[in-house]
PDB file of N, CA and C in Angstrom:
ATOM      1  N   UNK A   1     114.042  68.174 127.618  1.00  0.00           N
ATOM      2  CA  UNK A   1     114.015  69.272 127.973  1.00  0.00           C
ATOM      3  C   UNK A   1     114.995  70.237 127.712  1.00  0.00           C
ATOM      4  N   UNK A   2     116.266  70.065 127.867  1.00  0.00           N
ATOM      5  CA  UNK A   2     116.793  71.354 127.675  1.00  0.00           C
ATOM      6  C   UNK A   2     117.110  71.436 126.368  1.00  0.00           C
ATOM      7  N   UNK A   3     116.847  70.557 125.565  1.00  0.00           N
ATOM      8  CA  UNK A   3     117.105  70.702 124.107  1.00  0.00           C
ATOM      9  C   UNK A   3     115.363  71.756 123.791  1.00  0.00           C
ATOM     10  N   UNK A   4     114.475  71.488 124.192  1.00  0.00           N
ATOM     11  CA  UNK A   4     113.228  72.407 124.273  1.00  0.00           C
ATOM     12  C   UNK A   4     113.404  73.823 124.316  1.00  0.00           C
ATOM     13  N   UNK A   5     114.091  74.127 125.351  1.00  0.00           N
ATOM     14  CA  UNK A   5     114.863  75.507 125.967  1.00  0.00           C
ATOM     15  C   UNK A   5     115.849  76.361 124.717  1.00  0.00           C
ATOM     16  N   UNK A   6     116.661  75.706 124.294  1.00  0.00           N
ATOM     17  CA  UNK A   6     117.855  76.017 123.621  1.00  0.00           C
ATOM     18  C   UNK A   6     116.710  76.342 122.033  1.00  0.00           C
ATOM     19  N   UNK A   7     116.098  75.634 121.771  1.00  0.00           N
ATOM     20  CA  UNK A   7     115.153  75.967 120.011  1.00  0.00           C
ATOM     21  C   UNK A   7     114.787  77.361 120.975  1.00  0.00           C
ATOM     22  N   UNK A   8     113.848  77.833 121.793  1.00  0.00           N
ATOM     23  CA  UNK A   8     113.505  78.442 122.020  1.00  0.00           C
ATOM     24  C   UNK A   8     114.268  80.038 121.981  1.00  0.00           C
ATOM     25  N   UNK A   9     115.172  79.594 123.078  1.00  0.00           N
ATOM     26  CA  UNK A   9     116.227  80.784 123.118  1.00  0.00           C
ATOM     27  C   UNK A   9     116.707  81.214 121.333  1.00  0.00           C
ATOM     28  N   UNK A  10     116.981  80.361 120.490  1.00  0.00           N
ATOM     29  CA  UNK A  10     117.818  80.300 119.481  1.00  0.00           C
ATOM     30  C   UNK A  10     116.649  81.146 118.456  1.00  0.00           C
ATOM     31  N   UNK A  11     115.306  80.776 118.496  1.00  0.00           N
ATOM     32  CA  UNK A  11     114.408  81.203 117.821  1.00  0.00           C
ATOM     33  C   UNK A  11     113.884  83.060 118.393  1.00  0.00           C
ATOM     34  N   UNK A  12     114.574  83.027 119.844  1.00  0.00           N
ATOM     35  CA  UNK A  12     113.959  84.583 120.140  1.00  0.00           C
ATOM     36  C   UNK A  12     115.350  85.129 119.907  1.00  0.00           C
ATOM     37  N   UNK A  13     116.744  84.782 119.477  1.00  0.00           N
ATOM     38  CA  UNK A  13     117.435  85.405 119.725  1.00  0.00           C
ATOM     39  C   UNK A  13     117.357  85.966 118.051  1.00  0.00           C
ATOM     40  N   UNK A  14     116.894  84.836 117.187  1.00  0.00           N
ATOM     41  CA  UNK A  14     116.890  85.330 115.560  1.00  0.00           C
ATOM     42  C   UNK A  14     115.579  86.474 115.299  1.00  0.00           C
ATOM     43  N   UNK A  15     114.712  86.377 116.117  1.00  0.00           N
ATOM     44  CA  UNK A  15     113.770  87.498 116.464  1.00  0.00           C
ATOM     45  C   UNK A  15     113.667  88.759 116.300  1.00  0.00           C
ATOM     46  N   UNK A  16     114.556  88.728 117.626  1.00  0.00           N
ATOM     47  CA  UNK A  16     115.278  89.781 118.250  1.00  0.00           C
ATOM     48  C   UNK A  16     116.596  90.241 117.118  1.00  0.00           C
ATOM     49  N   UNK A  17     117.287  89.441 116.543  1.00  0.00           N
ATOM     50  CA  UNK A  17     118.143  89.694 115.449  1.00  0.00           C
ATOM     51  C   UNK A  17     117.609  90.933 114.254  1.00  0.00           C
ATOM     52  N   UNK A  18     116.472  89.862 114.110  1.00  0.00           N
ATOM     53  CA  UNK A  18     115.396  90.856 112.793  1.00  0.00           C
ATOM     54  C   UNK A  18     114.786  91.688 113.465  1.00  0.00           C
ATOM     55  N   UNK A  19     114.460  92.006 114.539  1.00  0.00           N
ATOM     56  CA  UNK A  19     114.089  93.311 114.911  1.00  0.00           C
ATOM     57  C   UNK A  19     114.710  94.133 114.364  1.00  0.00           C
ATOM     58  N   UNK A  20     115.853  94.333 115.188  1.00  0.00           N
ATOM     59  CA  UNK A  20     116.965  95.161 115.227  1.00  0.00           C
ATOM     60  C   UNK A  20     117.529  95.418 114.072  1.00  0.00           C
ATOM     61  N   UNK A  21     117.300  94.776 113.104  1.00  0.00           N
ATOM     62  CA  UNK A  21     118.224  95.233 111.703  1.00  0.00           C
ATOM     63  C   UNK A  21     117.398  95.790 110.781  1.00  0.00           C
ATOM     64  N   UNK A  22     115.845  95.604 110.907  1.00  0.00           N
ATOM     65  CA  UNK A  22     115.088  96.571 110.157  1.00  0.00           C
ATOM     66  C   UNK A  22     115.073  97.932 111.096  1.00  0.00           C
ATOM     67  N   UNK A  23     115.745  98.890 109.965  1.00  0.00           N
ATOM     68  CA  UNK A  23     115.965 100.415 110.386  1.00  0.00           C
ATOM     69  C   UNK A  23     114.524 101.102 109.530  1.00  0.00           C
ATOM     70  N   UNK A  24     114.187 101.977 109.804  1.00  0.00           N
ATOM     71  CA  UNK A  24     113.364 102.561 109.398  1.00  0.00           C
ATOM     72  C   UNK A  24     113.663 104.114 109.046  1.00  0.00           C
ATOM     73  N   UNK A  25     113.393 104.162 107.632  1.00  0.00           N
ATOM     74  CA  UNK A  25     114.227 105.164 107.377  1.00  0.00           C
ATOM     75  C   UNK A  25     113.254 105.995 106.196  1.00  0.00           C
ATOM     76  N   UNK A  26     113.628 107.437 106.467  1.00  0.00           N
ATOM     77  CA  UNK A  26     112.731 108.469 105.676  1.00  0.00           C
ATOM     78  C   UNK A  26     112.294 108.047 104.394  1.00  0.00           C
ATOM     79  N   UNK A  27     111.426 108.378 103.334  1.00  0.00           N
ATOM     80  CA  UNK A  27     111.554 108.135 102.292  1.00  0.00           C
ATOM     81  C   UNK A  27     111.709 108.976 101.621  1.00  0.00           C
ATOM     82  N   UNK A  28     113.032 108.617 100.671  1.00  0.00           N
ATOM     83  CA  UNK A  28     113.624 109.908  99.491  1.00  0.00           C
ATOM     84  C   UNK A  28     113.007 110.167  98.338  1.00  0.00           C
ATOM     85  N   UNK A  29     113.120 111.791  97.888  1.00  0.00           N
ATOM     86  CA  UNK A  29     112.300 111.335  96.793  1.00  0.00           C
ATOM     87  C   UNK A  29     113.492 111.032  95.675  1.00  0.00           C
ATOM     88  N   UNK A  30     112.995 111.378  94.659  1.00  0.00           N
ATOM     89  CA  UNK A  30     113.653 110.655  93.786  1.00  0.00           C
ATOM     90  C   UNK A  30     114.865 111.096  93.470  1.00  0.00           C
ATOM     91  N   UNK A  31     115.075 112.602  93.184  1.00  0.00           N
ATOM     92  CA  UNK A  31     116.251 113.428  93.280  1.00  0.00           C
ATOM     93  C   UNK A  31     117.846 113.395  94.119  1.00  0.00           C
ATOM     94  N   UNK A  32     116.338 113.218  95.862  1.00  0.00           N
ATOM     95  CA  UNK A  32     117.392 113.191  96.785  1.00  0.00           C
ATOM     96  C   UNK A  32     118.200 111.593  96.660  1.00  0.00           C
ATOM     97  N   UNK A  33     117.593 110.181  96.526  1.00  0.00           N
ATOM     98  CA  UNK A  33     117.920 109.563  96.145  1.00  0.00           C
ATOM     99  C   UNK A  33     118.966 109.620  95.467  1.00  0.00           C
ATOM    100  N   UNK A  34     119.142 109.750  94.224  1.00  0.00           N
ATOM    101  CA  UNK A  34     119.919 110.096  93.315  1.00  0.00           C
ATOM    102  C   UNK A  34     121.247 110.458  93.856  1.00  0.00           C
ATOM    103  N   UNK A  35     121.086 111.463  94.097  1.00  0.00           N
ATOM    104  CA  UNK A  35     122.057 112.779  95.114  1.00  0.00           C
ATOM    105  C   UNK A  35     122.614 111.965  96.115  1.00  0.00           C
ATOM    106  N   UNK A  36     121.705 111.165  96.968  1.00  0.00           N
ATOM    107  CA  UNK A  36     122.319 110.449  97.783  1.00  0.00           C
ATOM    108  C   UNK A  36     123.464 109.178  97.201  1.00  0.00           C
ATOM    109  N   UNK A  37     122.868 108.439  96.257  1.00  0.00           N
ATOM    110  CA  UNK A  37     123.784 107.397  95.667  1.00  0.00           C
ATOM    111  C   UNK A  37     125.349 108.066  94.842  1.00  0.00           C
ATOM    112  N   UNK A  38     124.399 108.722  94.433  1.00  0.00           N
ATOM    113  CA  UNK A  38     125.983 109.896  93.634  1.00  0.00           C
ATOM    114  C   UNK A  38     126.886 110.369  95.203  1.00  0.00           C
ATOM    115  N   UNK A  39     126.419 110.250  95.851  1.00  0.00           N
ATOM    116  CA  UNK A  39     128.010 110.697  96.956  1.00  0.00           C
ATOM    117  C   UNK A  39     128.451 109.627  97.417  1.00  0.00           C
ATOM    118  N   UNK A  40     127.552 108.582  97.658  1.00  0.00           N
ATOM    119  CA  UNK A  40     128.395 107.509  98.241  1.00  0.00           C
ATOM    120  C   UNK A  40     129.257 106.630  97.081  1.00  0.00           C
ATOM    121  N   UNK A  41     128.875 106.918  95.822  1.00  0.00           N
ATOM    122  CA  UNK A  41     129.715 106.495  94.380  1.00  0.00           C
ATOM    123  C   UNK A  41     130.724 106.608  94.857  1.00  0.00           C
ATOM    124  N   UNK A  42     131.033 108.649  94.910  1.00  0.00           N
ATOM    125  CA  UNK A  42     132.103 109.456  95.217  1.00  0.00           C
ATOM    126  C   UNK A  42     133.179 108.627  96.158  1.00  0.00           C
ATOM    127  N   UNK A  43     132.546 108.802  97.340  1.00  0.00           N
ATOM    128  CA  UNK A  43     133.196 108.291  98.548  1.00  0.00           C
ATOM    129  C   UNK A  43     133.767 106.924  98.483  1.00  0.00           C
ATOM    130  N   UNK A  44     133.030 105.617  97.668  1.00  0.00           N
ATOM    131  CA  UNK A  44     133.663 104.941  97.606  1.00  0.00           C
ATOM    132  C   UNK A  44     134.998 104.772  96.239  1.00  0.00           C
ATOM    133  N   UNK A  45     134.525 105.763  95.085  1.00  0.00           N
ATOM    134  CA  UNK A  45     136.043 106.089  94.141  1.00  0.00           C
ATOM    135  C   UNK A  45     137.070 106.485  95.040  1.00  0.00           C
ATOM    136  N   UNK A  46     136.630 107.861  95.906  1.00  0.00           N
ATOM    137  CA  UNK A  46     137.616 108.257  96.471  1.00  0.00           C
ATOM    138  C   UNK A  46     138.708 107.528  97.553  1.00  0.00           C
ATOM    139  N   UNK A  47     137.982 106.325  98.216  1.00  0.00           N
ATOM    140  CA  UNK A  47     138.290 105.216  99.075  1.00  0.00           C
ATOM    141  C   UNK A  47     139.520 104.030  97.559  1.00  0.00           C
ATOM    142  N   UNK A  48     138.886 104.009  96.883  1.00  0.00           N
ATOM    143  CA  UNK A  48     139.395 102.901  95.627  1.00  0.00           C
ATOM    144  C   UNK A  48     140.821 103.943  95.500  1.00  0.00           C
ATOM    145  N   UNK A  49     140.885 105.355  94.917  1.00  0.00           N
ATOM    146  CA  UNK A  49     141.842 105.802  95.171  1.00  0.00           C
ATOM    147  C   UNK A  49     143.126 105.918  95.597  1.00  0.00           C
ATOM    148  N   UNK A  50     142.129 106.256  97.350  1.00  0.00           N
ATOM    149  CA  UNK A  50     143.000 106.177  98.068  1.00  0.00           C
ATOM    150  C   UNK A  50     144.153 105.213  98.232  1.00  0.00           C
ATOM    151  N   UNK A  51     143.578 103.667  98.219  1.00  0.00           N
ATOM    152  CA  UNK A  51     144.217 102.534  98.138  1.00  0.00           C
ATOM    153  C   UNK A  51     145.229 102.396  97.222  1.00  0.00           C
ATOM    154  N   UNK A  52     144.769 102.888  95.697  1.00  0.00           N
ATOM    155  CA  UNK A  52     145.536 102.833  94.774  1.00  0.00           C
ATOM    156  C   UNK A  52     146.950 103.614  95.016  1.00  0.00           C
ATOM    157  N   UNK A  53     146.313 104.740  95.527  1.00  0.00           N
ATOM    158  CA  UNK A  53     147.750 105.456  96.131  1.00  0.00           C
ATOM    159  C   UNK A  53     148.794 105.080  96.988  1.00  0.00           C
ATOM    160  N   UNK A  54     148.411 104.436  97.936  1.00  0.00           N
ATOM    161  CA  UNK A  54     149.099 104.250  99.317  1.00  0.00           C
ATOM    162  C   UNK A  54     149.735 102.744  98.579  1.00  0.00           C
ATOM    163  N   UNK A  55     149.532 101.890  97.393  1.00  0.00           N
ATOM    164  CA  UNK A  55     149.698 100.739  96.817  1.00  0.00           C
ATOM    165  C   UNK A  55     151.172 101.237  96.068  1.00  0.00           C
ATOM    166  N   UNK A  56     150.823 102.415  95.044  1.00  0.00           N
ATOM    167  CA  UNK A  56     151.562 102.922  93.861  1.00  0.00           C
ATOM    168  C   UNK A  56     152.920 103.495  94.812  1.00  0.00           C
ATOM    169  N   UNK A  57     153.936 102.943  93.543  1.00  0.00           N
ATOM    170  CA  UNK A  57     155.284 103.513  93.908  1.00  0.00           C
ATOM    171  C   UNK A  57     155.875 104.280  92.286  1.00  0.00           C
ATOM    172  N   UNK A  58     154.974 104.292  91.247  1.00  0.00           N
ATOM    173  CA  UNK A  58     155.167 105.044  90.445  1.00  0.00           C
ATOM    174  C   UNK A  58     154.891 106.288  90.246  1.00  0.00           C
ATOM    175  N   UNK A  59     155.960 107.233  90.156  1.00  0.00           N
ATOM    176  CA  UNK A  59     155.309 108.754  90.311  1.00  0.00           C
ATOM    177  C   UNK A  59     154.881 109.438  89.559  1.00  0.00           C
ATOM    178  N   UNK A  60     154.566 108.977  88.204  1.00  0.00           N
ATOM    179  CA  UNK A  60     153.496 109.443  87.499  1.00  0.00           C
ATOM    180  C   UNK A  60     151.968 109.269  87.983  1.00  0.00           C
ATOM    181  N   UNK A  61     151.888 107.747  87.872  1.00  0.00           N
ATOM    182  CA  UNK A  61     150.859 106.869  88.386  1.00  0.00           C
ATOM    183  C   UNK A  61     149.950 107.703  89.794  1.00  0.00           C
ATOM    184  N   UNK A  62     151.289 108.134  90.545  1.00  0.00           N
ATOM    185  CA  UNK A  62     150.331 108.706  91.676  1.00  0.00           C
ATOM    186  C   UNK A  62     150.204 110.292  91.755  1.00  0.00           C
ATOM    187  N   UNK A  63     150.914 111.254  90.426  1.00  0.00           N
ATOM    188  CA  UNK A  63     150.667 112.512  90.161  1.00  0.00           C
ATOM    189  C   UNK A  63     149.371 112.264  89.853  1.00  0.00           C
ATOM    190  N   UNK A  64     148.666 111.214  88.846  1.00  0.00           N
ATOM    191  CA  UNK A  64     147.346 111.273  88.102  1.00  0.00           C
ATOM    192  C   UNK A  64     146.635 110.700  89.562  1.00  0.00           C
ATOM    193  N   UNK A  65     146.585 109.794  90.266  1.00  0.00           N
ATOM    194  CA  UNK A  65     145.577 109.435  91.340  1.00  0.00           C
ATOM    195  C   UNK A  65     145.501 110.685  92.271  1.00  0.00           C
ATOM    196  N   UNK A  66     146.732 111.784  92.596  1.00  0.00           N
ATOM    197  CA  UNK A  66     146.236 112.664  92.658  1.00  0.00           C
ATOM    198  C   UNK A  66     145.558 113.884  92.834  1.00  0.00           C
ATOM    199  N   UNK A  67     145.661 113.822  91.648  1.00  0.00           N
ATOM    200  CA  UNK A  67     144.977 115.179  90.280  1.00  0.00           C
ATOM    201  C   UNK A  67     143.155 113.855  90.457  1.00  0.00           C
ATOM    202  N   UNK A  68     143.362 112.886  90.671  1.00  0.00           N
ATOM    203  CA  UNK A  68     141.955 112.252  90.671  1.00  0.00           C
ATOM    204  C   UNK A  68     141.370 112.491  92.233  1.00  0.00           C
ATOM    205  N   UNK A  69     142.317 112.577  93.013  1.00  0.00           N
ATOM    206  CA  UNK A  69     142.108 112.419  94.567  1.00  0.00           C
ATOM    207  C   UNK A  69     141.464 113.642  94.318  1.00  0.00           C
ATOM    208  N   UNK A  70     142.292 115.164  93.980  1.00  0.00           N
ATOM    209  CA  UNK A  70     141.296 116.502  93.975  1.00  0.00           C
ATOM    210  C   UNK A  70     140.040 116.811  93.268  1.00  0.00           C
ATOM    211  N   UNK A  71     139.966 115.836  92.388  1.00  0.00           N
ATOM    212  CA  UNK A  71     138.820 116.180  92.002  1.00  0.00           C
ATOM    213  C   UNK A  71     137.509 115.322  92.244  1.00  0.00           C
ATOM    214  N   UNK A  72     137.962 114.391  93.059  1.00  0.00           N
ATOM    215  CA  UNK A  72     136.886 113.550  93.719  1.00  0.00           C
ATOM    216  C   UNK A  72     136.644 114.434  94.941  1.00  0.00           C
ATOM    217  N   UNK A  73     137.467 115.106  94.917  1.00  0.00           N
ATOM    218  CA  UNK A  73     137.081 116.128  96.716  1.00  0.00           C
ATOM    219  C   UNK A  73     136.199 117.305  96.788  1.00  0.00           C
ATOM    220  N   UNK A  74     136.611 117.904  95.168  1.00  0.00           N
ATOM    221  CA  UNK A  74     135.642 118.870  94.303  1.00  0.00           C
ATOM    222  C   UNK A  74     134.448 118.324  94.771  1.00  0.00           C
ATOM    223  N   UNK A  75     134.274 117.809  93.883  1.00  0.00           N
ATOM    224  CA  UNK A  75     132.985 116.879  93.816  1.00  0.00           C
ATOM    225  C   UNK A  75     132.324 116.834  95.065  1.00  0.00           C
ATOM    226  N   UNK A  76     132.952 116.110  95.810  1.00  0.00           N
ATOM    227  CA  UNK A  76     132.407 116.119  97.084  1.00  0.00           C
ATOM    228  C   UNK A  76     131.474 117.147  98.192  1.00  0.00           C
ATOM    229  N   UNK A  77     132.973 118.313  97.998  1.00  0.00           N
ATOM    230  CA  UNK A  77     132.621 119.408  98.448  1.00  0.00           C
ATOM    231  C   UNK A  77     131.230 120.068  97.950  1.00  0.00           C
ATOM    232  N   UNK A  78     130.839 119.668  96.988  1.00  0.00           N
ATOM    233  CA  UNK A  78     129.399 120.270  96.186  1.00  0.00           C
ATOM    234  C   UNK A  78     127.833 119.671  97.392  1.00  0.00           C
ATOM    235  N   UNK A  79     128.021 118.298  98.144  1.00  0.00           N
ATOM    236  CA  UNK A  79     127.103 117.857  99.042  1.00  0.00           C
ATOM    237  C   UNK A  79     127.435 118.625 100.512  1.00  0.00           C
ATOM    238  N   UNK A  80     127.981 119.420 100.333  1.00  0.00           N
ATOM    239  CA  UNK A  80     128.085 120.133 101.873  1.00  0.00           C
ATOM    240  C   UNK A  80     127.995 121.438 101.917  1.00  0.00           C
ATOM    241  N   UNK A  81     127.494 121.321 101.047  1.00  0.00           N
ATOM    242  CA  UNK A  81     126.699 122.898 100.914  1.00  0.00           C
ATOM    243  C   UNK A  81     124.793 122.858 101.368  1.00  0.00           C
TER     244      UNK A  81
END
């Protein structure tokens, strides 16, 4: 008997998790989707550059990474408008 209740509970939990994970997003136009992908790509690149900057001890590499960070920040600022 306990086994049947347990499986029902698991089944209910799985159904609930499935329902929660489905998020309805508004449909984006092709241009809006491309813009969103570009912004996400820039954010990931910025994160990668920051990680490399934290790990780098070479002054020349740090200077290049700082320049890249500035470039990415300028490109990201276009999305705030």
